[in-house]
Amino acid sequence: MIKTEIINGPITPFQSDDNHRDDGAEVVFNGRVRDTENGKQIIALEYEHYEKMTEKEIQALAEEAAKKFPIRDLSCRHRIGKVPVGEASLHVSIWAEHRQEAIQGLDWFIRELKKRVPVWKWAVYPDGTKEASSHESC
């Protein structure tokens, strides 16, 4: 099963599922907002996206990951809007038979998401100013 969502608000993690009898690996990743960006103190990151394309691209990318790696399930939630320091902006859960393919699939999926999915982020500073922030450092 492939499930992807764009969320405008706090991310609720996907539930772990003990019914995966054939899978030996469940890899969960939560990408959280750090308190610094571009070497400066921040209060939040603000995510924007190209609404008509983002959901399609992230779904297609998840399906591609499941074909490229022996992944049985991949679920992803990406947050948009203002995300305060400490909160999750990305939640990914992957199930596979073995840990190596789950970890490799997760790494590939996140790297490709940052390259191909039309989501942009802005560092929000304590004085309220914003600065574009690259996904390259993520």
N, C-alpha and C. Protein backbone atom coordinates (compact mmCIF):
# COMPACT_ATOMS: atom_id res chain seq x y z
N MET A 1 0.85 -1.17 0.00
CA MET A 1 0.00 0.00 0.00
C MET A 1 0.90 1.24 0.00
N ILE A 2 0.56 2.17 -0.85
CA ILE A 2 1.26 3.45 -0.92
C ILE A 2 0.26 4.52 -0.50
N LYS A 3 0.64 5.35 0.46
CA LYS A 3 -0.25 6.41 0.93
C LYS A 3 0.58 7.66 1.14
N THR A 4 0.17 8.76 0.50
CA THR A 4 0.87 10.03 0.66
C THR A 4 -0.15 11.12 0.95
N GLU A 5 0.26 12.10 1.76
CA GLU A 5 -0.63 13.20 2.12
C GLU A 5 0.16 14.49 2.31
N ILE A 6 -0.46 15.58 1.93
CA ILE A 6 0.06 16.91 2.23
C ILE A 6 -0.81 17.43 3.37
N ILE A 7 -0.20 17.85 4.47
CA ILE A 7 -0.91 18.23 5.69
C ILE A 7 -0.67 19.71 5.98
N ASN A 8 -1.72 20.43 6.32
CA ASN A 8 -1.59 21.82 6.75
C ASN A 8 -1.95 21.86 8.24
N GLY A 9 -0.98 21.54 9.08
CA GLY A 9 -1.17 21.45 10.52
C GLY A 9 -0.27 20.36 11.05
N PRO A 10 -0.29 20.14 12.36
CA PRO A 10 0.60 19.13 12.95
C PRO A 10 0.41 17.75 12.33
N ILE A 11 1.51 17.03 12.18
CA ILE A 11 1.50 15.68 11.60
C ILE A 11 1.24 14.66 12.68
N THR A 12 0.25 13.82 12.44
CA THR A 12 0.00 12.66 13.29
C THR A 12 0.74 11.49 12.66
N PRO A 13 1.66 10.83 13.39
CA PRO A 13 2.39 9.71 12.80
C PRO A 13 1.47 8.56 12.41
N PHE A 14 1.88 7.82 11.39
CA PHE A 14 1.15 6.62 11.00
C PHE A 14 1.31 5.59 12.11
N GLN A 15 0.27 4.82 12.35
CA GLN A 15 0.30 3.78 13.37
C GLN A 15 1.18 2.61 12.92
N SER A 16 1.91 2.04 13.84
CA SER A 16 2.64 0.81 13.57
C SER A 16 1.60 -0.30 13.47
N ASP A 17 1.88 -1.32 12.67
CA ASP A 17 0.90 -2.36 12.39
C ASP A 17 1.53 -3.74 12.59
N ASP A 18 1.08 -4.45 13.61
CA ASP A 18 1.63 -5.77 13.91
C ASP A 18 1.13 -6.86 12.96
N ASN A 19 0.31 -6.51 11.99
CA ASN A 19 -0.19 -7.50 11.03
C ASN A 19 0.76 -7.75 9.87
N HIS A 20 1.88 -7.07 9.83
CA HIS A 20 2.88 -7.27 8.77
C HIS A 20 3.69 -8.53 9.09
N ARG A 21 3.14 -9.70 8.88
CA ARG A 21 3.77 -10.98 9.25
C ARG A 21 4.95 -11.33 8.36
N ASP A 22 4.98 -10.84 7.11
CA ASP A 22 6.06 -11.18 6.18
C ASP A 22 7.16 -10.13 6.16
N ASP A 23 6.98 -9.04 6.88
CA ASP A 23 7.95 -7.96 6.87
C ASP A 23 8.76 -7.96 8.16
N GLY A 24 10.08 -7.91 8.01
CA GLY A 24 10.95 -7.88 9.18
C GLY A 24 11.43 -6.49 9.53
N ALA A 25 11.09 -5.50 8.67
CA ALA A 25 11.59 -4.15 8.91
C ALA A 25 10.48 -3.12 8.76
N GLU A 26 10.37 -2.29 9.76
CA GLU A 26 9.54 -1.09 9.70
C GLU A 26 10.46 0.07 10.03
N VAL A 27 10.67 0.94 9.05
CA VAL A 27 11.55 2.09 9.24
C VAL A 27 10.67 3.34 9.27
N VAL A 28 10.83 4.13 10.31
CA VAL A 28 10.04 5.36 10.47
C VAL A 28 11.00 6.54 10.56
N PHE A 29 10.69 7.58 9.80
CA PHE A 29 11.51 8.79 9.79
C PHE A 29 10.62 9.99 10.08
N ASN A 30 11.06 10.81 11.02
CA ASN A 30 10.40 12.08 11.30
C ASN A 30 11.42 13.19 11.09
N GLY A 31 11.19 14.01 10.09
CA GLY A 31 12.04 15.17 9.85
C GLY A 31 11.51 16.34 10.64
N ARG A 32 12.31 16.85 11.57
CA ARG A 32 11.87 17.92 12.46
C ARG A 32 12.61 19.22 12.17
N VAL A 33 11.98 20.32 12.51
CA VAL A 33 12.56 21.65 12.31
C VAL A 33 13.59 21.90 13.42
N ARG A 34 14.84 22.16 12.99
CA ARG A 34 15.91 22.52 13.92
C ARG A 34 15.78 23.99 14.31
N ASP A 35 16.52 24.40 15.33
CA ASP A 35 16.45 25.80 15.76
C ASP A 35 17.41 26.72 15.01
N THR A 36 18.16 26.18 14.06
CA THR A 36 19.02 27.02 13.22
C THR A 36 18.85 26.63 11.76
N GLU A 37 19.00 27.60 10.89
CA GLU A 37 18.94 27.39 9.44
C GLU A 37 19.89 28.41 8.83
N ASN A 38 20.67 27.98 7.88
CA ASN A 38 21.66 28.86 7.25
C ASN A 38 22.59 29.48 8.30
N GLY A 39 22.84 28.74 9.39
CA GLY A 39 23.73 29.20 10.45
C GLY A 39 23.13 30.26 11.36
N LYS A 40 21.83 30.51 11.25
CA LYS A 40 21.17 31.55 12.05
C LYS A 40 20.03 30.94 12.87
N GLN A 41 19.75 31.56 14.02
CA GLN A 41 18.64 31.13 14.87
C GLN A 41 17.31 31.37 14.16
N ILE A 42 16.41 30.41 14.21
CA ILE A 42 15.08 30.57 13.61
C ILE A 42 14.00 30.21 14.63
N ILE A 43 12.76 30.59 14.31
CA ILE A 43 11.63 30.19 15.15
C ILE A 43 10.74 29.18 14.44
N ALA A 44 10.90 29.08 13.10
CA ALA A 44 10.07 28.16 12.33
C ALA A 44 10.62 28.04 10.91
N LEU A 45 10.11 27.04 10.20
CA LEU A 45 10.26 26.98 8.75
C LEU A 45 8.87 27.10 8.17
N GLU A 46 8.77 27.80 7.06
CA GLU A 46 7.48 27.92 6.38
C GLU A 46 7.58 27.23 5.02
N TYR A 47 6.71 26.26 4.80
CA TYR A 47 6.72 25.46 3.57
C TYR A 47 5.60 25.90 2.65
N GLU A 48 5.96 26.12 1.38
CA GLU A 48 5.00 26.42 0.33
C GLU A 48 5.08 25.29 -0.69
N HIS A 49 4.01 25.13 -1.46
CA HIS A 49 4.05 24.09 -2.48
C HIS A 49 3.18 24.48 -3.67
N TYR A 50 3.45 23.83 -4.78
CA TYR A 50 2.65 24.01 -5.98
C TYR A 50 1.52 22.98 -5.89
N GLU A 51 0.38 23.44 -5.40
CA GLU A 51 -0.72 22.56 -4.99
C GLU A 51 -1.17 21.58 -6.06
N LYS A 52 -1.27 22.01 -7.30
CA LYS A 52 -1.78 21.13 -8.37
C LYS A 52 -0.81 20.01 -8.71
N MET A 53 0.44 20.15 -8.32
CA MET A 53 1.44 19.17 -8.72
C MET A 53 2.02 18.37 -7.55
N THR A 54 2.05 18.93 -6.36
CA THR A 54 2.74 18.32 -5.23
C THR A 54 2.22 16.94 -4.89
N GLU A 55 0.92 16.80 -4.71
CA GLU A 55 0.37 15.51 -4.31
C GLU A 55 0.60 14.44 -5.37
N LYS A 56 0.45 14.80 -6.64
CA LYS A 56 0.69 13.84 -7.73
C LYS A 56 2.15 13.40 -7.75
N GLU A 57 3.06 14.36 -7.59
CA GLU A 57 4.49 14.05 -7.65
C GLU A 57 4.94 13.17 -6.48
N ILE A 58 4.46 13.49 -5.29
CA ILE A 58 4.87 12.71 -4.12
C ILE A 58 4.30 11.29 -4.20
N GLN A 59 3.08 11.16 -4.72
CA GLN A 59 2.48 9.83 -4.90
C GLN A 59 3.26 9.04 -5.95
N ALA A 60 3.58 9.67 -7.08
CA ALA A 60 4.34 9.00 -8.13
C ALA A 60 5.72 8.59 -7.62
N LEU A 61 6.35 9.44 -6.84
CA LEU A 61 7.66 9.14 -6.27
C LEU A 61 7.58 7.95 -5.32
N ALA A 62 6.54 7.89 -4.50
CA ALA A 62 6.36 6.77 -3.57
C ALA A 62 6.16 5.47 -4.35
N GLU A 63 5.38 5.51 -5.41
CA GLU A 63 5.17 4.32 -6.24
C GLU A 63 6.46 3.89 -6.92
N GLU A 64 7.25 4.86 -7.36
CA GLU A 64 8.55 4.56 -7.97
C GLU A 64 9.49 3.90 -6.96
N ALA A 65 9.50 4.40 -5.74
CA ALA A 65 10.34 3.81 -4.69
C ALA A 65 9.95 2.36 -4.43
N ALA A 66 8.65 2.08 -4.42
CA ALA A 66 8.18 0.72 -4.17
C ALA A 66 8.55 -0.23 -5.31
N LYS A 67 8.71 0.30 -6.51
CA LYS A 67 9.16 -0.53 -7.64
C LYS A 67 10.67 -0.70 -7.64
N LYS A 68 11.38 0.36 -7.28
CA LYS A 68 12.84 0.36 -7.31
C LYS A 68 13.44 -0.49 -6.18
N PHE A 69 12.77 -0.50 -5.03
CA PHE A 69 13.23 -1.25 -3.86
C PHE A 69 12.13 -2.24 -3.48
N PRO A 70 12.47 -3.35 -2.87
CA PRO A 70 11.44 -4.30 -2.47
C PRO A 70 10.68 -3.83 -1.21
N ILE A 71 9.97 -2.73 -1.39
CA ILE A 71 9.18 -2.12 -0.32
C ILE A 71 7.75 -2.60 -0.47
N ARG A 72 7.14 -3.01 0.63
CA ARG A 72 5.75 -3.48 0.56
C ARG A 72 4.77 -2.36 0.83
N ASP A 73 5.10 -1.48 1.77
CA ASP A 73 4.24 -0.34 2.10
C ASP A 73 5.11 0.89 2.28
N LEU A 74 4.61 2.03 1.81
CA LEU A 74 5.28 3.31 2.02
C LEU A 74 4.18 4.34 2.30
N SER A 75 4.29 5.00 3.43
CA SER A 75 3.35 6.06 3.80
C SER A 75 4.14 7.33 4.08
N CYS A 76 3.63 8.45 3.58
CA CYS A 76 4.34 9.72 3.74
C CYS A 76 3.35 10.85 4.00
N ARG A 77 3.69 11.68 4.97
CA ARG A 77 2.97 12.92 5.23
C ARG A 77 3.98 14.06 5.20
N HIS A 78 3.71 15.06 4.36
CA HIS A 78 4.56 16.25 4.29
C HIS A 78 3.72 17.44 4.69
N ARG A 79 4.25 18.23 5.58
CA ARG A 79 3.53 19.38 6.11
C ARG A 79 3.81 20.61 5.27
N ILE A 80 2.82 21.47 5.14
CA ILE A 80 2.99 22.77 4.51
C ILE A 80 2.56 23.83 5.52
N GLY A 81 2.89 25.07 5.22
CA GLY A 81 2.59 26.16 6.14
C GLY A 81 3.73 26.35 7.13
N LYS A 82 3.45 27.08 8.18
CA LYS A 82 4.47 27.42 9.18
C LYS A 82 4.62 26.26 10.18
N VAL A 83 5.86 25.77 10.32
CA VAL A 83 6.15 24.65 11.23
C VAL A 83 7.15 25.14 12.27
N PRO A 84 6.73 25.24 13.53
CA PRO A 84 7.62 25.73 14.59
C PRO A 84 8.79 24.78 14.86
N VAL A 85 9.85 25.32 15.42
CA VAL A 85 11.01 24.53 15.82
C VAL A 85 10.55 23.36 16.69
N GLY A 86 11.10 22.19 16.41
CA GLY A 86 10.81 20.99 17.18
C GLY A 86 9.70 20.13 16.61
N GLU A 87 8.84 20.70 15.77
CA GLU A 87 7.73 19.92 15.20
C GLU A 87 8.16 19.24 13.91
N ALA A 88 7.45 18.16 13.56
CA ALA A 88 7.76 17.40 12.35
C ALA A 88 7.20 18.09 11.11
N SER A 89 8.02 18.11 10.07
CA SER A 89 7.56 18.62 8.78
C SER A 89 7.43 17.48 7.77
N LEU A 90 7.99 16.32 8.10
CA LEU A 90 7.94 15.16 7.21
C LEU A 90 7.88 13.89 8.05
N HIS A 91 6.97 13.00 7.69
CA HIS A 91 6.84 11.70 8.37
C HIS A 91 6.75 10.63 7.29
N VAL A 92 7.66 9.66 7.34
CA VAL A 92 7.68 8.57 6.37
C VAL A 92 7.78 7.26 7.12
N SER A 93 6.97 6.29 6.68
CA SER A 93 7.00 4.95 7.25
C SER A 93 7.12 3.95 6.10
N ILE A 94 8.09 3.06 6.19
CA ILE A 94 8.32 2.07 5.13
C ILE A 94 8.38 0.68 5.74
N TRP A 95 7.72 -0.26 5.08
CA TRP A 95 7.75 -1.68 5.45
C TRP A 95 8.44 -2.47 4.34
N ALA A 96 9.33 -3.37 4.73
CA ALA A 96 10.01 -4.24 3.78
C ALA A 96 10.36 -5.54 4.49
N GLU A 97 10.74 -6.53 3.71
CA GLU A 97 11.09 -7.81 4.30
C GLU A 97 12.35 -7.70 5.16
N HIS A 98 13.31 -6.90 4.70
CA HIS A 98 14.59 -6.77 5.40
C HIS A 98 14.93 -5.30 5.65
N ARG A 99 15.72 -5.03 6.69
CA ARG A 99 16.05 -3.65 7.07
C ARG A 99 16.87 -2.93 6.01
N GLN A 100 17.80 -3.62 5.35
CA GLN A 100 18.66 -2.95 4.39
C GLN A 100 17.86 -2.30 3.26
N GLU A 101 16.90 -3.05 2.70
CA GLU A 101 16.11 -2.46 1.61
C GLU A 101 15.17 -1.37 2.12
N ALA A 102 14.70 -1.50 3.35
CA ALA A 102 13.84 -0.46 3.93
C ALA A 102 14.64 0.83 4.13
N ILE A 103 15.84 0.70 4.68
CA ILE A 103 16.68 1.88 4.93
C ILE A 103 17.13 2.51 3.61
N GLN A 104 17.56 1.70 2.65
CA GLN A 104 17.97 2.24 1.35
C GLN A 104 16.79 2.90 0.64
N GLY A 105 15.63 2.28 0.71
CA GLY A 105 14.44 2.87 0.08
C GLY A 105 14.07 4.19 0.71
N LEU A 106 14.15 4.28 2.03
CA LEU A 106 13.84 5.52 2.74
C LEU A 106 14.82 6.61 2.34
N ASP A 107 16.09 6.30 2.33
CA ASP A 107 17.11 7.29 1.96
C ASP A 107 16.87 7.80 0.54
N TRP A 108 16.64 6.90 -0.40
CA TRP A 108 16.40 7.28 -1.79
C TRP A 108 15.14 8.13 -1.90
N PHE A 109 14.07 7.71 -1.25
CA PHE A 109 12.79 8.42 -1.32
C PHE A 109 12.94 9.86 -0.83
N ILE A 110 13.59 10.08 0.30
CA ILE A 110 13.72 11.43 0.84
C ILE A 110 14.62 12.29 -0.04
N ARG A 111 15.73 11.73 -0.52
CA ARG A 111 16.61 12.50 -1.41
C ARG A 111 15.87 12.94 -2.67
N GLU A 112 15.12 12.02 -3.28
CA GLU A 112 14.38 12.33 -4.50
C GLU A 112 13.23 13.30 -4.23
N LEU A 113 12.57 13.16 -3.09
CA LEU A 113 11.50 14.08 -2.71
C LEU A 113 12.03 15.50 -2.69
N LYS A 114 13.18 15.71 -2.08
CA LYS A 114 13.76 17.04 -1.97
C LYS A 114 14.17 17.60 -3.34
N LYS A 115 14.51 16.72 -4.27
CA LYS A 115 14.90 17.16 -5.62
C LYS A 115 13.70 17.41 -6.52
N ARG A 116 12.68 16.57 -6.42
CA ARG A 116 11.64 16.54 -7.46
C ARG A 116 10.26 17.07 -7.07
N VAL A 117 9.94 17.09 -5.80
CA VAL A 117 8.60 17.51 -5.39
C VAL A 117 8.60 19.03 -5.18
N PRO A 118 7.63 19.75 -5.78
CA PRO A 118 7.62 21.21 -5.71
C PRO A 118 7.17 21.75 -4.35
N VAL A 119 8.08 21.66 -3.38
CA VAL A 119 7.88 22.21 -2.04
C VAL A 119 9.08 23.11 -1.78
N TRP A 120 8.81 24.33 -1.31
CA TRP A 120 9.87 25.28 -1.00
C TRP A 120 9.77 25.67 0.46
N LYS A 121 10.93 25.93 1.06
CA LYS A 121 10.90 26.32 2.47
C LYS A 121 11.59 27.65 2.70
N TRP A 122 11.08 28.34 3.72
CA TRP A 122 11.58 29.65 4.12
C TRP A 122 11.93 29.58 5.59
N ALA A 123 13.12 30.04 5.95
CA ALA A 123 13.50 30.18 7.35
C ALA A 123 12.81 31.41 7.90
N VAL A 124 12.19 31.28 9.07
CA VAL A 124 11.51 32.40 9.72
C VAL A 124 12.32 32.78 10.95
N TYR A 125 12.82 34.02 10.97
CA TYR A 125 13.68 34.49 12.04
C TYR A 125 12.86 35.13 13.17
N PRO A 126 13.46 35.28 14.35
CA PRO A 126 12.72 35.84 15.50
C PRO A 126 12.10 37.21 15.23
N ASP A 127 12.69 38.01 14.34
CA ASP A 127 12.12 39.33 14.04
C ASP A 127 11.01 39.27 12.99
N GLY A 128 10.67 38.05 12.54
CA GLY A 128 9.59 37.88 11.57
C GLY A 128 10.03 37.88 10.12
N THR A 129 11.30 38.22 9.85
CA THR A 129 11.77 38.19 8.47
C THR A 129 11.95 36.74 8.02
N LYS A 130 11.93 36.56 6.69
CA LYS A 130 12.06 35.23 6.10
C LYS A 130 13.18 35.21 5.09
N GLU A 131 13.79 34.05 4.94
CA GLU A 131 14.85 33.86 3.96
C GLU A 131 14.66 32.49 3.32
N ALA A 132 14.77 32.44 1.99
CA ALA A 132 14.66 31.16 1.30
C ALA A 132 15.74 30.22 1.82
N SER A 133 15.37 28.96 1.97
CA SER A 133 16.28 27.96 2.50
C SER A 133 16.36 26.80 1.54
N SER A 134 17.55 26.30 1.32
CA SER A 134 17.77 25.21 0.39
C SER A 134 17.48 23.86 1.04
N HIS A 135 16.98 22.93 0.23
CA HIS A 135 16.81 21.54 0.69
C HIS A 135 18.14 20.78 0.68
N GLU A 136 19.16 21.37 0.09
CA GLU A 136 20.44 20.69 -0.06
C GLU A 136 21.05 20.31 1.29
N SER A 137 20.82 21.13 2.31
CA SER A 137 21.42 20.85 3.61
C SER A 137 20.61 19.87 4.44
N CYS A 138 19.49 19.44 3.91
CA CYS A 138 18.58 18.58 4.67
C CYS A 138 19.00 17.13 4.60
